[in-house]
């Protein structure tokens, strides 16, 4: 089991590294001001910056929840008739789905509050 966790976490780390390299090479992180240092007005307000940070954090939590869904699926597939392992996988799936619902509701609340505050 520890080997599976190590392999899964290694694969996730490599995926995140590859995705960040893809964003870097595509110009996703480039300065929209054309290379000049951004002014204070170009950086956005404090509320917009906090909203952006919260949205990135919620996205990270969503990735973790999907990772737990994958883990539970692997548990269920490799159960081999072991009822205890199937029960554990079902619990993990249930909690992961509840987590995803909470994350989606949180995203909706953050979007609503940030649009209401301007």
C-alpha atoms as a PDB file:
ATOM      1  CA  UNK A   1       0.000   0.000   0.000  1.00  0.00           C
ATOM      2  CA  UNK A   2       2.854   2.388   0.811  1.00  0.00           C
ATOM      3  CA  UNK A   3       4.365   1.655  -2.578  1.00  0.00           C
ATOM      4  CA  UNK A   4       1.083   2.554  -4.285  1.00  0.00           C
ATOM      5  CA  UNK A   5       0.891   5.837  -2.372  1.00  0.00           C
ATOM      6  CA  UNK A   6       4.494   6.685  -3.281  1.00  0.00           C
ATOM      7  CA  UNK A   7       3.898   5.908  -6.950  1.00  0.00           C
ATOM      8  CA  UNK A   8       0.645   7.883  -7.020  1.00  0.00           C
ATOM      9  CA  UNK A   9       2.159  10.918  -5.315  1.00  0.00           C
ATOM     10  CA  UNK A  10       5.164  10.757  -7.655  1.00  0.00           C
ATOM     11  CA  UNK A  11       2.883  10.612 -10.681  1.00  0.00           C
ATOM     12  CA  UNK A  12       0.859  13.560  -9.356  1.00  0.00           C
ATOM     13  CA  UNK A  13       4.030  15.594  -8.767  1.00  0.00           C
ATOM     14  CA  UNK A  14       5.274  14.863 -12.292  1.00  0.00           C
ATOM     15  CA  UNK A  15       1.879  15.817 -13.724  1.00  0.00           C
ATOM     16  CA  UNK A  16       1.882  19.131 -11.863  1.00  0.00           C
ATOM     17  CA  UNK A  17       5.458  19.799 -13.015  1.00  0.00           C
ATOM     18  CA  UNK A  18       4.519  19.042 -16.620  1.00  0.00           C
ATOM     19  CA  UNK A  19       1.410  21.230 -16.473  1.00  0.00           C
ATOM     20  CA  UNK A  20       3.372  24.152 -15.004  1.00  0.00           C
ATOM     21  CA  UNK A  21       6.006  23.766 -17.728  1.00  0.00           C
ATOM     22  CA  UNK A  22       3.263  23.724 -20.358  1.00  0.00           C
ATOM     23  CA  UNK A  23       1.806  26.947 -18.960  1.00  0.00           C
ATOM     24  CA  UNK A  24       5.253  28.541 -18.833  1.00  0.00           C
ATOM     25  CA  UNK A  25       6.084  27.673 -22.442  1.00  0.00           C
ATOM     26  CA  UNK A  26       2.683  28.787 -23.730  1.00  0.00           C
ATOM     27  CA  UNK A  27       3.089  32.315 -22.388  1.00  0.00           C
ATOM     28  CA  UNK A  28       0.338  31.833 -19.808  1.00  0.00           C
ATOM     29  CA  UNK A  29       2.409  33.500 -17.074  1.00  0.00           C
ATOM     30  CA  UNK A  30       3.670  36.366 -19.284  1.00  0.00           C
ATOM     31  CA  UNK A  31       3.084  39.931 -18.227  1.00  0.00           C
ATOM     32  CA  UNK A  32       0.013  41.297 -20.046  1.00  0.00           C
ATOM     33  CA  UNK A  33       1.587  44.776 -20.033  1.00  0.00           C
ATOM     34  CA  UNK A  34       4.050  43.794 -22.749  1.00  0.00           C
ATOM     35  CA  UNK A  35       7.149  43.205 -20.677  1.00  0.00           C
ATOM     36  CA  UNK A  36       7.015  46.391 -18.610  1.00  0.00           C
ATOM     37  CA  UNK A  37       6.650  46.143 -14.865  1.00  0.00           C
ATOM     38  CA  UNK A  38       2.953  46.186 -14.002  1.00  0.00           C
ATOM     39  CA  UNK A  39       1.596  49.289 -12.390  1.00  0.00           C
ATOM     40  CA  UNK A  40      -0.491  49.240  -9.243  1.00  0.00           C
ATOM     41  CA  UNK A  41      -3.640  49.655 -11.334  1.00  0.00           C
ATOM     42  CA  UNK A  42      -2.730  46.607 -13.449  1.00  0.00           C
ATOM     43  CA  UNK A  43      -2.390  44.391 -10.386  1.00  0.00           C
ATOM     44  CA  UNK A  44      -6.040  44.633  -9.375  1.00  0.00           C
ATOM     45  CA  UNK A  45      -7.649  45.458  -6.083  1.00  0.00           C
ATOM     46  CA  UNK A  46      -7.054  43.653  -2.821  1.00  0.00           C
ATOM     47  CA  UNK A  47     -10.461  41.972  -3.090  1.00  0.00           C
ATOM     48  CA  UNK A  48      -9.703  40.701  -6.592  1.00  0.00           C
ATOM     49  CA  UNK A  49      -6.340  39.348  -5.480  1.00  0.00           C
ATOM     50  CA  UNK A  50      -7.862  37.583  -2.468  1.00  0.00           C
ATOM     51  CA  UNK A  51     -10.605  36.155  -4.673  1.00  0.00           C
ATOM     52  CA  UNK A  52      -7.987  34.861  -7.123  1.00  0.00           C
ATOM     53  CA  UNK A  53      -5.984  33.225  -4.330  1.00  0.00           C
ATOM     54  CA  UNK A  54      -9.116  31.586  -2.916  1.00  0.00           C
ATOM     55  CA  UNK A  55     -10.086  30.302  -6.369  1.00  0.00           C
ATOM     56  CA  UNK A  56      -6.629  28.766  -6.886  1.00  0.00           C
ATOM     57  CA  UNK A  57      -6.848  27.158  -3.444  1.00  0.00           C
ATOM     58  CA  UNK A  58     -10.294  25.737  -4.223  1.00  0.00           C
ATOM     59  CA  UNK A  59      -8.923  24.375  -7.492  1.00  0.00           C
ATOM     60  CA  UNK A  60      -6.118  22.649  -5.603  1.00  0.00           C
ATOM     61  CA  UNK A  61      -8.641  21.158  -3.189  1.00  0.00           C
ATOM     62  CA  UNK A  62     -10.665  19.937  -6.174  1.00  0.00           C
ATOM     63  CA  UNK A  63      -7.588  18.188  -7.554  1.00  0.00           C
ATOM     64  CA  UNK A  64      -7.004  16.528  -4.196  1.00  0.00           C
ATOM     65  CA  UNK A  65     -10.626  15.362  -4.064  1.00  0.00           C
ATOM     66  CA  UNK A  66     -10.332  13.879  -7.561  1.00  0.00           C
ATOM     67  CA  UNK A  67      -7.142  12.161  -6.409  1.00  0.00           C
ATOM     68  CA  UNK A  68      -9.088  10.585  -3.562  1.00  0.00           C
ATOM     69  CA  UNK A  69     -11.718   9.403  -6.054  1.00  0.00           C
ATOM     70  CA  UNK A  70      -8.986   7.749  -8.105  1.00  0.00           C
ATOM     71  CA  UNK A  71      -7.506   6.198  -4.958  1.00  0.00           C
ATOM     72  CA  UNK A  72     -10.912   4.817  -3.967  1.00  0.00           C
ATOM     73  CA  UNK A  73     -11.426   3.417  -7.439  1.00  0.00           C
ATOM     74  CA  UNK A  74      -8.091   1.625  -7.237  1.00  0.00           C
ATOM     75  CA  UNK A  75      -9.047   0.285  -3.806  1.00  0.00           C
ATOM     76  CA  UNK A  76     -12.330  -1.028  -5.148  1.00  0.00           C
ATOM     77  CA  UNK A  77     -10.804  -2.612  -8.235  1.00  0.00           C
ATOM     78  CA  UNK A  78      -8.047  -4.328  -6.257  1.00  0.00           C
ATOM     79  CA  UNK A  79     -10.368  -5.488  -3.450  1.00  0.00           C
ATOM     80  CA  UNK A  80     -10.579  -9.013  -4.815  1.00  0.00           C
ATOM     81  CA  UNK A  81     -13.745  -9.823  -2.898  1.00  0.00           C
ATOM     82  CA  UNK A  82     -12.547  -8.331   0.399  1.00  0.00           C
ATOM     83  CA  UNK A  83     -15.675  -6.715   1.827  1.00  0.00           C
ATOM     84  CA  UNK A  84     -13.686  -4.591   4.271  1.00  0.00           C
ATOM     85  CA  UNK A  85     -11.690  -2.969   1.454  1.00  0.00           C
ATOM     86  CA  UNK A  86     -14.834  -2.377  -0.625  1.00  0.00           C
ATOM     87  CA  UNK A  87     -16.496  -0.703   2.367  1.00  0.00           C
ATOM     88  CA  UNK A  88     -13.430   1.499   2.849  1.00  0.00           C
ATOM     89  CA  UNK A  89     -13.469   2.449  -0.852  1.00  0.00           C
ATOM     90  CA  UNK A  90     -17.154   3.345  -0.687  1.00  0.00           C
ATOM     91  CA  UNK A  91     -16.516   5.575   2.337  1.00  0.00           C
ATOM     92  CA  UNK A  92     -13.663   7.332   0.555  1.00  0.00           C
ATOM     93  CA  UNK A  93     -15.853   7.858  -2.525  1.00  0.00           C
ATOM     94  CA  UNK A  94     -18.686   9.230  -0.405  1.00  0.00           C
ATOM     95  CA  UNK A  95     -16.418  11.664   1.446  1.00  0.00           C
ATOM     96  CA  UNK A  96     -14.675  12.734  -1.767  1.00  0.00           C
ATOM     97  CA  UNK A  97     -18.005  13.482  -3.460  1.00  0.00           C
ATOM     98  CA  UNK A  98     -19.174  15.423  -0.388  1.00  0.00           C
ATOM     99  CA  UNK A  99     -15.885  17.346  -0.532  1.00  0.00           C
ATOM    100  CA  UNK A 100     -16.375  18.165  -4.215  1.00  0.00           C
ATOM    101  CA  UNK A 101     -19.899  19.435  -3.511  1.00  0.00           C
ATOM    102  CA  UNK A 102     -18.584  21.627  -0.681  1.00  0.00           C
ATOM    103  CA  UNK A 103     -15.801  22.938  -2.935  1.00  0.00           C
ATOM    104  CA  UNK A 104     -18.306  23.809  -5.683  1.00  0.00           C
ATOM    105  CA  UNK A 105     -20.559  25.572  -3.177  1.00  0.00           C
ATOM    106  CA  UNK A 106     -17.564  27.470  -1.806  1.00  0.00           C
ATOM    107  CA  UNK A 107     -16.596  28.544  -5.308  1.00  0.00           C
ATOM    108  CA  UNK A 108     -20.145  29.762  -5.905  1.00  0.00           C
ATOM    109  CA  UNK A 109     -20.139  31.727  -2.643  1.00  0.00           C
ATOM    110  CA  UNK A 110     -16.736  33.302  -3.395  1.00  0.00           C
ATOM    111  CA  UNK A 111     -17.863  34.275  -6.886  1.00  0.00           C
ATOM    112  CA  UNK A 112     -21.110  35.764  -5.575  1.00  0.00           C
ATOM    113  CA  UNK A 113     -19.442  37.741  -2.771  1.00  0.00           C
ATOM    114  CA  UNK A 114     -16.656  39.057  -5.019  1.00  0.00           C
ATOM    115  CA  UNK A 115     -19.172  40.193  -7.652  1.00  0.00           C
ATOM    116  CA  UNK A 116     -21.413  41.764  -4.986  1.00  0.00           C
ATOM    117  CA  UNK A 117     -18.514  43.703  -3.479  1.00  0.00           C
ATOM    118  CA  UNK A 118     -17.359  44.865  -6.862  1.00  0.00           C
END
